């Protein structure tokens, strides 16, 4: 069993995989009706919530809400970067890398604590 420090991170990572597919997976299926895509995406998002809500509930015993949100954003970027390249076959550019690095730098300061 994962510790209370790691379990929220694992749950957030899994929830982000579901959410990324819910939000962006349909981009490969532009021939499908929009209402169908919305309903399918909503169904996928249900599983994201089944993981994200416990992640935040458990995580809040160890992390602040700001730290949980920051973790979620960094995990989202990592999951999205992999998804974008592997599933959508879109390249990541140096501009993407720099932007992600700047966001990660902000995350550093959230976890660093007061200066």
PDB file of N, CA and C in Angstrom:
ATOM      1  N   UNK A   1       0.853  -1.189   0.000  1.00  0.00           N
ATOM      2  CA  UNK A   1       0.000   0.000   0.000  1.00  0.00           C
ATOM      3  C   UNK A   1       0.891   1.242   0.000  1.00  0.00           C
ATOM      4  N   UNK A   2       0.504   2.206  -0.783  1.00  0.00           N
ATOM      5  CA  UNK A   2       1.256   3.453  -0.856  1.00  0.00           C
ATOM      6  C   UNK A   2       1.027   4.294   0.398  1.00  0.00           C
ATOM      7  N   UNK A   3       2.010   5.072   0.761  1.00  0.00           N
ATOM      8  CA  UNK A   3       1.896   5.956   1.922  1.00  0.00           C
ATOM      9  C   UNK A   3       0.922   7.088   1.616  1.00  0.00           C
ATOM     10  N   UNK A   4       0.508   7.770   2.677  1.00  0.00           N
ATOM     11  CA  UNK A   4      -0.405   8.901   2.487  1.00  0.00           C
ATOM     12  C   UNK A   4       0.254  10.026   1.704  1.00  0.00           C
ATOM     13  N   UNK A   5       1.566  10.045   1.639  1.00  0.00           N
ATOM     14  CA  UNK A   5       2.257  11.048   0.829  1.00  0.00           C
ATOM     15  C   UNK A   5       2.186  10.694  -0.654  1.00  0.00           C
ATOM     16  N   UNK A   6       2.299   9.407  -0.985  1.00  0.00           N
ATOM     17  CA  UNK A   6       2.366   8.979  -2.380  1.00  0.00           C
ATOM     18  C   UNK A   6       1.014   8.617  -2.981  1.00  0.00           C
ATOM     19  N   UNK A   7       0.087   8.125  -2.165  1.00  0.00           N
ATOM     20  CA  UNK A   7      -1.213   7.713  -2.689  1.00  0.00           C
ATOM     21  C   UNK A   7      -1.941   8.839  -3.423  1.00  0.00           C
ATOM     22  N   UNK A   8      -1.993  10.060  -2.868  1.00  0.00           N
ATOM     23  CA  UNK A   8      -2.666  11.135  -3.604  1.00  0.00           C
ATOM     24  C   UNK A   8      -2.011  11.421  -4.957  1.00  0.00           C
ATOM     25  N   UNK A   9      -0.693  11.320  -5.019  1.00  0.00           N
ATOM     26  CA  UNK A   9       0.016  11.569  -6.281  1.00  0.00           C
ATOM     27  C   UNK A   9      -0.348  10.496  -7.297  1.00  0.00           C
ATOM     28  N   UNK A  10      -0.379   9.242  -6.868  1.00  0.00           N
ATOM     29  CA  UNK A  10      -0.746   8.141  -7.769  1.00  0.00           C
ATOM     30  C   UNK A  10      -2.188   8.285  -8.253  1.00  0.00           C
ATOM     31  N   UNK A  11      -3.094   8.616  -7.341  1.00  0.00           N
ATOM     32  CA  UNK A  11      -4.498   8.797  -7.725  1.00  0.00           C
ATOM     33  C   UNK A  11      -4.671   9.979  -8.667  1.00  0.00           C
ATOM     34  N   UNK A  12      -3.963  11.074  -8.398  1.00  0.00           N
ATOM     35  CA  UNK A  12      -4.045  12.229  -9.301  1.00  0.00           C
ATOM     36  C   UNK A  12      -3.492  11.894 -10.685  1.00  0.00           C
ATOM     37  N   UNK A  13      -2.429  11.119 -10.730  1.00  0.00           N
ATOM     38  CA  UNK A  13      -1.867  10.723 -12.026  1.00  0.00           C
ATOM     39  C   UNK A  13      -2.881   9.887 -12.811  1.00  0.00           C
ATOM     40  N   UNK A  14      -3.499   8.919 -12.145  1.00  0.00           N
ATOM     41  CA  UNK A  14      -4.490   8.084 -12.833  1.00  0.00           C
ATOM     42  C   UNK A  14      -5.707   8.906 -13.246  1.00  0.00           C
ATOM     43  N   UNK A  15      -6.150   9.805 -12.385  1.00  0.00           N
ATOM     44  CA  UNK A  15      -7.316  10.625 -12.718  1.00  0.00           C
ATOM     45  C   UNK A  15      -7.021  11.515 -13.919  1.00  0.00           C
ATOM     46  N   UNK A  16      -5.785  11.993 -14.015  1.00  0.00           N
ATOM     47  CA  UNK A  16      -5.422  12.850 -15.138  1.00  0.00           C
ATOM     48  C   UNK A  16      -5.376  12.101 -16.463  1.00  0.00           C
ATOM     49  N   UNK A  17      -5.059  10.832 -16.419  1.00  0.00           N
ATOM     50  CA  UNK A  17      -5.117  10.034 -17.654  1.00  0.00           C
ATOM     51  C   UNK A  17      -6.555   9.994 -18.160  1.00  0.00           C
ATOM     52  N   UNK A  18      -7.503   9.711 -17.262  1.00  0.00           N
ATOM     53  CA  UNK A  18      -8.917   9.697 -17.665  1.00  0.00           C
ATOM     54  C   UNK A  18      -9.351  11.064 -18.175  1.00  0.00           C
ATOM     55  N   UNK A  19      -8.982  12.130 -17.454  1.00  0.00           N
ATOM     56  CA  UNK A  19      -9.447  13.461 -17.844  1.00  0.00           C
ATOM     57  C   UNK A  19      -8.845  13.905 -19.169  1.00  0.00           C
ATOM     58  N   UNK A  20      -7.602  13.545 -19.399  1.00  0.00           N
ATOM     59  CA  UNK A  20      -6.977  13.916 -20.671  1.00  0.00           C
ATOM     60  C   UNK A  20      -7.699  13.233 -21.829  1.00  0.00           C
ATOM     61  N   UNK A  21      -8.052  11.971 -21.651  1.00  0.00           N
ATOM     62  CA  UNK A  21      -8.817  11.282 -22.695  1.00  0.00           C
ATOM     63  C   UNK A  21     -10.208  11.894 -22.842  1.00  0.00           C
ATOM     64  N   UNK A  22     -10.830  12.272 -21.732  1.00  0.00           N
ATOM     65  CA  UNK A  22     -12.161  12.879 -21.797  1.00  0.00           C
ATOM     66  C   UNK A  22     -12.119  14.209 -22.549  1.00  0.00           C
ATOM     67  N   UNK A  23     -11.100  15.002 -22.302  1.00  0.00           N
ATOM     68  CA  UNK A  23     -11.021  16.334 -22.910  1.00  0.00           C
ATOM     69  C   UNK A  23     -10.456  16.321 -24.323  1.00  0.00           C
ATOM     70  N   UNK A  24      -9.482  15.455 -24.587  1.00  0.00           N
ATOM     71  CA  UNK A  24      -8.757  15.543 -25.857  1.00  0.00           C
ATOM     72  C   UNK A  24      -8.813  14.289 -26.719  1.00  0.00           C
ATOM     73  N   UNK A  25      -9.253  13.166 -26.183  1.00  0.00           N
ATOM     74  CA  UNK A  25      -9.275  11.916 -26.940  1.00  0.00           C
ATOM     75  C   UNK A  25     -10.140  11.972 -28.183  1.00  0.00           C
ATOM     76  N   UNK A  26     -11.189  12.744 -28.125  1.00  0.00           N
ATOM     77  CA  UNK A  26     -12.121  12.851 -29.257  1.00  0.00           C
ATOM     78  C   UNK A  26     -11.535  13.601 -30.450  1.00  0.00           C
ATOM     79  N   UNK A  27     -10.394  14.245 -30.284  1.00  0.00           N
ATOM     80  CA  UNK A  27      -9.821  15.019 -31.384  1.00  0.00           C
ATOM     81  C   UNK A  27      -9.407  14.136 -32.563  1.00  0.00           C
ATOM     82  N   UNK A  28      -9.253  12.838 -32.309  1.00  0.00           N
ATOM     83  CA  UNK A  28      -8.960  11.902 -33.400  1.00  0.00           C
ATOM     84  C   UNK A  28     -10.237  11.450 -34.101  1.00  0.00           C
ATOM     85  N   UNK A  29     -11.385  11.824 -33.583  1.00  0.00           N
ATOM     86  CA  UNK A  29     -12.668  11.354 -34.107  1.00  0.00           C
ATOM     87  C   UNK A  29     -13.575  12.535 -34.441  1.00  0.00           C
ATOM     88  N   UNK A  30     -13.085  13.419 -35.266  1.00  0.00           N
ATOM     89  CA  UNK A  30     -13.845  14.632 -35.589  1.00  0.00           C
ATOM     90  C   UNK A  30     -15.061  14.350 -36.464  1.00  0.00           C
ATOM     91  N   UNK A  31     -15.167  13.127 -36.960  1.00  0.00           N
ATOM     92  CA  UNK A  31     -16.326  12.774 -37.781  1.00  0.00           C
ATOM     93  C   UNK A  31     -17.533  12.369 -36.936  1.00  0.00           C
ATOM     94  N   UNK A  32     -17.356  12.230 -35.625  1.00  0.00           N
ATOM     95  CA  UNK A  32     -18.441  11.828 -34.735  1.00  0.00           C
ATOM     96  C   UNK A  32     -19.269  13.036 -34.335  1.00  0.00           C
ATOM     97  N   UNK A  33     -20.576  12.842 -34.122  1.00  0.00           N
ATOM     98  CA  UNK A  33     -21.436  13.964 -33.705  1.00  0.00           C
ATOM     99  C   UNK A  33     -20.977  14.548 -32.360  1.00  0.00           C
ATOM    100  N   UNK A  34     -21.053  15.839 -32.260  1.00  0.00           N
ATOM    101  CA  UNK A  34     -20.596  16.536 -31.061  1.00  0.00           C
ATOM    102  C   UNK A  34     -21.325  16.059 -29.806  1.00  0.00           C
ATOM    103  N   UNK A  35     -22.633  15.846 -29.878  1.00  0.00           N
ATOM    104  CA  UNK A  35     -23.382  15.388 -28.700  1.00  0.00           C
ATOM    105  C   UNK A  35     -22.887  14.021 -28.234  1.00  0.00           C
ATOM    106  N   UNK A  36     -22.562  13.134 -29.149  1.00  0.00           N
ATOM    107  CA  UNK A  36     -22.022  11.821 -28.789  1.00  0.00           C
ATOM    108  C   UNK A  36     -20.680  11.978 -28.079  1.00  0.00           C
ATOM    109  N   UNK A  37     -19.849  12.851 -28.623  1.00  0.00           N
ATOM    110  CA  UNK A  37     -18.529  13.107 -28.029  1.00  0.00           C
ATOM    111  C   UNK A  37     -18.684  13.662 -26.614  1.00  0.00           C
ATOM    112  N   UNK A  38     -19.628  14.553 -26.424  1.00  0.00           N
ATOM    113  CA  UNK A  38     -19.867  15.137 -25.100  1.00  0.00           C
ATOM    114  C   UNK A  38     -20.297  14.064 -24.109  1.00  0.00           C
ATOM    115  N   UNK A  39     -21.228  13.216 -24.507  1.00  0.00           N
ATOM    116  CA  UNK A  39     -21.724  12.171 -23.606  1.00  0.00           C
ATOM    117  C   UNK A  39     -20.618  11.165 -23.266  1.00  0.00           C
ATOM    118  N   UNK A  40     -19.858  10.749 -24.262  1.00  0.00           N
ATOM    119  CA  UNK A  40     -18.760   9.811 -24.016  1.00  0.00           C
ATOM    120  C   UNK A  40     -17.710  10.460 -23.110  1.00  0.00           C
ATOM    121  N   UNK A  41     -17.366  11.717 -23.388  1.00  0.00           N
ATOM    122  CA  UNK A  41     -16.383  12.423 -22.558  1.00  0.00           C
ATOM    123  C   UNK A  41     -16.868  12.554 -21.120  1.00  0.00           C
ATOM    124  N   UNK A  42     -18.138  12.814 -20.954  1.00  0.00           N
ATOM    125  CA  UNK A  42     -18.722  12.928 -19.626  1.00  0.00           C
ATOM    126  C   UNK A  42     -18.620  11.597 -18.882  1.00  0.00           C
ATOM    127  N   UNK A  43     -18.882  10.508 -19.594  1.00  0.00           N
ATOM    128  CA  UNK A  43     -18.757   9.181 -18.989  1.00  0.00           C
ATOM    129  C   UNK A  43     -17.335   8.879 -18.554  1.00  0.00           C
ATOM    130  N   UNK A  44     -16.366   9.255 -19.373  1.00  0.00           N
ATOM    131  CA  UNK A  44     -14.958   9.055 -19.019  1.00  0.00           C
ATOM    132  C   UNK A  44     -14.598   9.920 -17.812  1.00  0.00           C
ATOM    133  N   UNK A  45     -15.109  11.138 -17.793  1.00  0.00           N
ATOM    134  CA  UNK A  45     -14.794  12.068 -16.700  1.00  0.00           C
ATOM    135  C   UNK A  45     -15.320  11.561 -15.357  1.00  0.00           C
ATOM    136  N   UNK A  46     -16.379  10.760 -15.370  1.00  0.00           N
ATOM    137  CA  UNK A  46     -16.887  10.186 -14.125  1.00  0.00           C
ATOM    138  C   UNK A  46     -15.784   9.418 -13.395  1.00  0.00           C
ATOM    139  N   UNK A  47     -15.015   8.632 -14.151  1.00  0.00           N
ATOM    140  CA  UNK A  47     -13.947   7.843 -13.542  1.00  0.00           C
ATOM    141  C   UNK A  47     -12.812   8.748 -13.033  1.00  0.00           C
ATOM    142  N   UNK A  48     -12.615   9.859 -13.718  1.00  0.00           N
ATOM    143  CA  UNK A  48     -11.624  10.829 -13.249  1.00  0.00           C
ATOM    144  C   UNK A  48     -12.019  11.348 -11.871  1.00  0.00           C
ATOM    145  N   UNK A  49     -13.292  11.671 -11.703  1.00  0.00           N
ATOM    146  CA  UNK A  49     -13.770  12.178 -10.416  1.00  0.00           C
ATOM    147  C   UNK A  49     -13.673  11.114  -9.330  1.00  0.00           C
ATOM    148  N   UNK A  50     -13.896   9.846  -9.702  1.00  0.00           N
ATOM    149  CA  UNK A  50     -13.797   8.747  -8.728  1.00  0.00           C
ATOM    150  C   UNK A  50     -12.373   8.594  -8.205  1.00  0.00           C
ATOM    151  N   UNK A  51     -11.404   9.106  -8.913  1.00  0.00           N
ATOM    152  CA  UNK A  51     -10.013   9.068  -8.464  1.00  0.00           C
ATOM    153  C   UNK A  51      -9.568  10.408  -7.875  1.00  0.00           C
ATOM    154  N   UNK A  52      -9.989  11.511  -8.477  1.00  0.00           N
ATOM    155  CA  UNK A  52      -9.531  12.833  -8.036  1.00  0.00           C
ATOM    156  C   UNK A  52     -10.091  13.218  -6.668  1.00  0.00           C
ATOM    157  N   UNK A  53     -11.354  12.916  -6.428  1.00  0.00           N
ATOM    158  CA  UNK A  53     -11.953  13.299  -5.144  1.00  0.00           C
ATOM    159  C   UNK A  53     -11.263  12.576  -3.982  1.00  0.00           C
ATOM    160  N   UNK A  54     -11.071  11.252  -4.055  1.00  0.00           N
ATOM    161  CA  UNK A  54     -10.320  10.604  -2.964  1.00  0.00           C
ATOM    162  C   UNK A  54      -8.869  11.092  -2.880  1.00  0.00           C
ATOM    163  N   UNK A  55      -8.265  11.375  -4.016  1.00  0.00           N
ATOM    164  CA  UNK A  55      -6.884  11.879  -4.001  1.00  0.00           C
ATOM    165  C   UNK A  55      -6.804  13.156  -3.183  1.00  0.00           C
ATOM    166  N   UNK A  56      -7.753  14.049  -3.385  1.00  0.00           N
ATOM    167  CA  UNK A  56      -7.741  15.315  -2.655  1.00  0.00           C
ATOM    168  C   UNK A  56      -8.147  15.141  -1.194  1.00  0.00           C
ATOM    169  N   UNK A  57      -9.080  14.250  -0.947  1.00  0.00           N
ATOM    170  CA  UNK A  57      -9.502  14.003   0.441  1.00  0.00           C
ATOM    171  C   UNK A  57      -8.353  13.413   1.253  1.00  0.00           C
ATOM    172  N   UNK A  58      -7.717  12.378   0.701  1.00  0.00           N
ATOM    173  CA  UNK A  58      -6.581  11.741   1.374  1.00  0.00           C
ATOM    174  C   UNK A  58      -5.390  12.702   1.423  1.00  0.00           C
ATOM    175  N   UNK A  59      -5.137  13.355   0.296  1.00  0.00           N
ATOM    176  CA  UNK A  59      -3.988  14.244   0.199  1.00  0.00           C
ATOM    177  C   UNK A  59      -4.047  15.430   1.132  1.00  0.00           C
ATOM    178  N   UNK A  60      -5.255  15.888   1.441  1.00  0.00           N
ATOM    179  CA  UNK A  60      -5.384  17.069   2.296  1.00  0.00           C
ATOM    180  C   UNK A  60      -4.983  16.781   3.733  1.00  0.00           C
ATOM    181  N   UNK A  61      -4.816  15.520   4.087  1.00  0.00           N
ATOM    182  CA  UNK A  61      -4.312  15.192   5.420  1.00  0.00           C
ATOM    183  C   UNK A  61      -2.801  15.410   5.503  1.00  0.00           C
ATOM    184  N   UNK A  62      -2.153  15.513   4.338  1.00  0.00           N
ATOM    185  CA  UNK A  62      -0.694  15.668   4.282  1.00  0.00           C
ATOM    186  C   UNK A  62      -0.286  16.977   3.610  1.00  0.00           C
ATOM    187  N   UNK A  63      -1.034  17.390   2.611  1.00  0.00           N
ATOM    188  CA  UNK A  63      -0.699  18.561   1.796  1.00  0.00           C
ATOM    189  C   UNK A  63      -1.764  19.646   1.962  1.00  0.00           C
ATOM    190  N   UNK A  64      -1.367  20.881   1.713  1.00  0.00           N
ATOM    191  CA  UNK A  64      -2.345  21.977   1.694  1.00  0.00           C
ATOM    192  C   UNK A  64      -3.123  21.902   0.378  1.00  0.00           C
ATOM    193  N   UNK A  65      -4.236  22.616   0.326  1.00  0.00           N
ATOM    194  CA  UNK A  65      -5.030  22.651  -0.903  1.00  0.00           C
ATOM    195  C   UNK A  65      -4.209  23.247  -2.052  1.00  0.00           C
ATOM    196  N   UNK A  66      -3.406  24.259  -1.766  1.00  0.00           N
ATOM    197  CA  UNK A  66      -2.564  24.867  -2.808  1.00  0.00           C
ATOM    198  C   UNK A  66      -1.526  23.867  -3.329  1.00  0.00           C
ATOM    199  N   UNK A  67      -0.965  23.070  -2.428  1.00  0.00           N
ATOM    200  CA  UNK A  67       0.002  22.066  -2.860  1.00  0.00           C
ATOM    201  C   UNK A  67      -0.669  20.984  -3.708  1.00  0.00           C
ATOM    202  N   UNK A  68      -1.875  20.555  -3.308  1.00  0.00           N
ATOM    203  CA  UNK A  68      -2.609  19.561  -4.094  1.00  0.00           C
ATOM    204  C   UNK A  68      -2.930  20.088  -5.485  1.00  0.00           C
ATOM    205  N   UNK A  69      -3.374  21.324  -5.566  1.00  0.00           N
ATOM    206  CA  UNK A  69      -3.706  21.917  -6.866  1.00  0.00           C
ATOM    207  C   UNK A  69      -2.456  22.037  -7.724  1.00  0.00           C
ATOM    208  N   UNK A  70      -1.354  22.417  -7.131  1.00  0.00           N
ATOM    209  CA  UNK A  70      -0.104  22.540  -7.869  1.00  0.00           C
ATOM    210  C   UNK A  70       0.346  21.182  -8.390  1.00  0.00           C
ATOM    211  N   UNK A  71       0.268  20.164  -7.538  1.00  0.00           N
ATOM    212  CA  UNK A  71       0.597  18.799  -7.971  1.00  0.00           C
ATOM    213  C   UNK A  71      -0.253  18.390  -9.159  1.00  0.00           C
ATOM    214  N   UNK A  72      -1.547  18.662  -9.040  1.00  0.00           N
ATOM    215  CA  UNK A  72      -2.482  18.285 -10.098  1.00  0.00           C
ATOM    216  C   UNK A  72      -2.109  18.968 -11.416  1.00  0.00           C
ATOM    217  N   UNK A  73      -1.730  20.217 -11.369  1.00  0.00           N
ATOM    218  CA  UNK A  73      -1.380  20.945 -12.596  1.00  0.00           C
ATOM    219  C   UNK A  73      -0.099  20.399 -13.218  1.00  0.00           C
ATOM    220  N   UNK A  74       0.892  20.109 -12.400  1.00  0.00           N
ATOM    221  CA  UNK A  74       2.152  19.561 -12.924  1.00  0.00           C
ATOM    222  C   UNK A  74       1.913  18.168 -13.501  1.00  0.00           C
ATOM    223  N   UNK A  75       1.142  17.347 -12.790  1.00  0.00           N
ATOM    224  CA  UNK A  75       0.811  16.012 -13.301  1.00  0.00           C
ATOM    225  C   UNK A  75       0.039  16.128 -14.609  1.00  0.00           C
ATOM    226  N   UNK A  76      -0.894  17.067 -14.676  1.00  0.00           N
ATOM    227  CA  UNK A  76      -1.666  17.280 -15.909  1.00  0.00           C
ATOM    228  C   UNK A  76      -0.741  17.597 -17.083  1.00  0.00           C
ATOM    229  N   UNK A  77       0.236  18.443 -16.869  1.00  0.00           N
ATOM    230  CA  UNK A  77       1.166  18.791 -17.947  1.00  0.00           C
ATOM    231  C   UNK A  77       1.969  17.575 -18.407  1.00  0.00           C
ATOM    232  N   UNK A  78       2.418  16.781 -17.460  1.00  0.00           N
ATOM    233  CA  UNK A  78       3.198  15.590 -17.813  1.00  0.00           C
ATOM    234  C   UNK A  78       2.333  14.603 -18.589  1.00  0.00           C
ATOM    235  N   UNK A  79       1.140  14.322 -18.065  1.00  0.00           N
ATOM    236  CA  UNK A  79       0.229  13.391 -18.738  1.00  0.00           C
ATOM    237  C   UNK A  79      -0.132  13.923 -20.118  1.00  0.00           C
ATOM    238  N   UNK A  80      -0.435  15.218 -20.209  1.00  0.00           N
ATOM    239  CA  UNK A  80      -0.800  15.792 -21.495  1.00  0.00           C
ATOM    240  C   UNK A  80       0.348  15.732 -22.496  1.00  0.00           C
ATOM    241  N   UNK A  81       1.559  16.006 -22.048  1.00  0.00           N
ATOM    242  CA  UNK A  81       2.711  15.965 -22.953  1.00  0.00           C
ATOM    243  C   UNK A  81       2.874  14.566 -23.548  1.00  0.00           C
ATOM    244  N   UNK A  82       2.787  13.548 -22.699  1.00  0.00           N
ATOM    245  CA  UNK A  82       2.897  12.164 -23.181  1.00  0.00           C
ATOM    246  C   UNK A  82       1.735  11.840 -24.116  1.00  0.00           C
ATOM    247  N   UNK A  83       0.526  12.209 -23.731  1.00  0.00           N
ATOM    248  CA  UNK A  83      -0.674  11.965 -24.535  1.00  0.00           C
ATOM    249  C   UNK A  83      -0.569  12.647 -25.898  1.00  0.00           C
ATOM    250  N   UNK A  84      -0.142  13.886 -25.894  1.00  0.00           N
ATOM    251  CA  UNK A  84      -0.048  14.664 -27.125  1.00  0.00           C
ATOM    252  C   UNK A  84       0.892  14.002 -28.127  1.00  0.00           C
ATOM    253  N   UNK A  85       2.025  13.537 -27.636  1.00  0.00           N
ATOM    254  CA  UNK A  85       3.016  12.908 -28.518  1.00  0.00           C
ATOM    255  C   UNK A  85       2.594  11.489 -28.892  1.00  0.00           C
ATOM    256  N   UNK A  86       2.200  10.696 -27.908  1.00  0.00           N
ATOM    257  CA  UNK A  86       1.926   9.273 -28.140  1.00  0.00           C
ATOM    258  C   UNK A  86       0.582   9.018 -28.821  1.00  0.00           C
ATOM    259  N   UNK A  87      -0.452   9.734 -28.428  1.00  0.00           N
ATOM    260  CA  UNK A  87      -1.802   9.459 -28.938  1.00  0.00           C
ATOM    261  C   UNK A  87      -2.179  10.366 -30.105  1.00  0.00           C
ATOM    262  N   UNK A  88      -1.964  11.661 -29.937  1.00  0.00           N
ATOM    263  CA  UNK A  88      -2.335  12.609 -30.997  1.00  0.00           C
ATOM    264  C   UNK A  88      -1.253  12.760 -32.057  1.00  0.00           C
ATOM    265  N   UNK A  89      -0.057  12.250 -31.761  1.00  0.00           N
ATOM    266  CA  UNK A  89       1.078  12.318 -32.690  1.00  0.00           C
ATOM    267  C   UNK A  89       1.450  13.761 -33.019  1.00  0.00           C
ATOM    268  N   UNK A  90       1.335  14.625 -32.017  1.00  0.00           N
ATOM    269  CA  UNK A  90       1.718  16.024 -32.170  1.00  0.00           C
ATOM    270  C   UNK A  90       3.073  16.240 -31.502  1.00  0.00           C
ATOM    271  N   UNK A  91       3.967  16.930 -32.166  1.00  0.00           N
ATOM    272  CA  UNK A  91       5.287  17.144 -31.560  1.00  0.00           C
ATOM    273  C   UNK A  91       5.227  18.203 -30.461  1.00  0.00           C
ATOM    274  N   UNK A  92       6.112  18.052 -29.496  1.00  0.00           N
ATOM    275  CA  UNK A  92       6.293  19.109 -28.498  1.00  0.00           C
ATOM    276  C   UNK A  92       7.477  19.948 -28.957  1.00  0.00           C
ATOM    277  N   UNK A  93       7.312  21.238 -28.938  1.00  0.00           N
ATOM    278  CA  UNK A  93       8.365  22.141 -29.396  1.00  0.00           C
ATOM    279  C   UNK A  93       9.171  22.664 -28.215  1.00  0.00           C
ATOM    280  N   UNK A  94      10.223  23.348 -28.513  1.00  0.00           N
ATOM    281  CA  UNK A  94      11.031  23.976 -27.473  1.00  0.00           C
ATOM    282  C   UNK A  94      10.198  25.006 -26.706  1.00  0.00           C
ATOM    283  N   UNK A  95       9.291  25.679 -27.385  1.00  0.00           N
ATOM    284  CA  UNK A  95       8.416  26.644 -26.705  1.00  0.00           C
ATOM    285  C   UNK A  95       7.534  25.946 -25.673  1.00  0.00           C
ATOM    286  N   UNK A  96       7.012  24.764 -26.022  1.00  0.00           N
ATOM    287  CA  UNK A  96       6.224  23.993 -25.057  1.00  0.00           C
ATOM    288  C   UNK A  96       7.092  23.643 -23.850  1.00  0.00           C
ATOM    289  N   UNK A  97       8.296  23.153 -24.104  1.00  0.00           N
ATOM    290  CA  UNK A  97       9.204  22.753 -23.031  1.00  0.00           C
ATOM    291  C   UNK A  97       9.521  23.936 -22.117  1.00  0.00           C
ATOM    292  N   UNK A  98       9.773  25.086 -22.693  1.00  0.00           N
ATOM    293  CA  UNK A  98      10.075  26.279 -21.887  1.00  0.00           C
ATOM    294  C   UNK A  98       8.856  26.675 -21.055  1.00  0.00           C
ATOM    295  N   UNK A  99       7.691  26.673 -21.662  1.00  0.00           N
ATOM    296  CA  UNK A  99       6.462  26.999 -20.933  1.00  0.00           C
ATOM    297  C   UNK A  99       6.211  26.036 -19.787  1.00  0.00           C
ATOM    298  N   UNK A 100       6.377  24.735 -20.036  1.00  0.00           N
ATOM    299  CA  UNK A 100       6.182  23.733 -18.987  1.00  0.00           C
ATOM    300  C   UNK A 100       7.211  23.925 -17.877  1.00  0.00           C
ATOM    301  N   UNK A 101       8.436  24.252 -18.258  1.00  0.00           N
ATOM    302  CA  UNK A 101       9.494  24.481 -17.273  1.00  0.00           C
ATOM    303  C   UNK A 101       9.171  25.684 -16.384  1.00  0.00           C
ATOM    304  N   UNK A 102       8.617  26.722 -16.972  1.00  0.00           N
ATOM    305  CA  UNK A 102       8.234  27.896 -16.178  1.00  0.00           C
ATOM    306  C   UNK A 102       7.122  27.549 -15.189  1.00  0.00           C
ATOM    307  N   UNK A 103       6.166  26.727 -15.624  1.00  0.00           N
ATOM    308  CA  UNK A 103       5.098  26.299 -14.721  1.00  0.00           C
ATOM    309  C   UNK A 103       5.681  25.437 -13.594  1.00  0.00           C
ATOM    310  N   UNK A 104       6.597  24.535 -13.941  1.00  0.00           N
ATOM    311  CA  UNK A 104       7.248  23.704 -12.928  1.00  0.00           C
ATOM    312  C   UNK A 104       8.049  24.559 -11.953  1.00  0.00           C
ATOM    313  N   UNK A 105       8.633  25.641 -12.442  1.00  0.00           N
ATOM    314  CA  UNK A 105       9.361  26.558 -11.558  1.00  0.00           C
ATOM    315  C   UNK A 105       8.414  27.183 -10.543  1.00  0.00           C
ATOM    316  N   UNK A 106       7.217  27.531 -10.989  1.00  0.00           N
ATOM    317  CA  UNK A 106       6.210  28.053 -10.068  1.00  0.00           C
ATOM    318  C   UNK A 106       5.831  27.020  -9.019  1.00  0.00           C
ATOM    319  N   UNK A 107       5.739  25.764  -9.432  1.00  0.00           N
ATOM    320  CA  UNK A 107       5.427  24.692  -8.488  1.00  0.00           C
ATOM    321  C   UNK A 107       6.507  24.573  -7.417  1.00  0.00           C
ATOM    322  N   UNK A 108       7.735  24.766  -7.801  1.00  0.00           N
ATOM    323  CA  UNK A 108       8.840  24.722  -6.843  1.00  0.00           C
ATOM    324  C   UNK A 108       8.592  25.691  -5.698  1.00  0.00           C
ATOM    325  N   UNK A 109       8.163  26.908  -6.025  1.00  0.00           N
ATOM    326  CA  UNK A 109       7.954  27.925  -5.002  1.00  0.00           C
ATOM    327  C   UNK A 109       6.748  27.610  -4.111  1.00  0.00           C
ATOM    328  N   UNK A 110       5.751  26.928  -4.657  1.00  0.00           N
ATOM    329  CA  UNK A 110       4.611  26.529  -3.830  1.00  0.00           C
ATOM    330  C   UNK A 110       5.062  25.551  -2.752  1.00  0.00           C
ATOM    331  N   UNK A 111       5.946  24.620  -3.130  1.00  0.00           N
ATOM    332  CA  UNK A 111       6.401  23.612  -2.180  1.00  0.00           C
ATOM    333  C   UNK A 111       7.593  24.061  -1.335  1.00  0.00           C
ATOM    334  N   UNK A 112       8.262  25.102  -1.743  1.00  0.00           N
ATOM    335  CA  UNK A 112       9.426  25.610  -1.021  1.00  0.00           C
ATOM    336  C   UNK A 112       9.034  26.159   0.337  1.00  0.00           C
ATOM    337  N   UNK A 113       7.852  26.720   0.424  1.00  0.00           N
ATOM    338  CA  UNK A 113       7.427  27.320   1.686  1.00  0.00           C
ATOM    339  C   UNK A 113       7.769  28.792   1.720  1.00  0.00           C
ATOM    340  N   UNK A 114       7.405  29.445   2.804  1.00  0.00           N
ATOM    341  CA  UNK A 114       7.661  30.896   2.908  1.00  0.00           C
ATOM    342  C   UNK A 114       9.141  31.229   2.825  1.00  0.00           C
ATOM    343  N   UNK A 115       9.439  32.310   2.149  1.00  0.00           N
ATOM    344  CA  UNK A 115      10.822  32.773   2.040  1.00  0.00           C
ATOM    345  C   UNK A 115      11.193  33.631   3.215  1.00  0.00           C
TER     346      UNK A 115
END
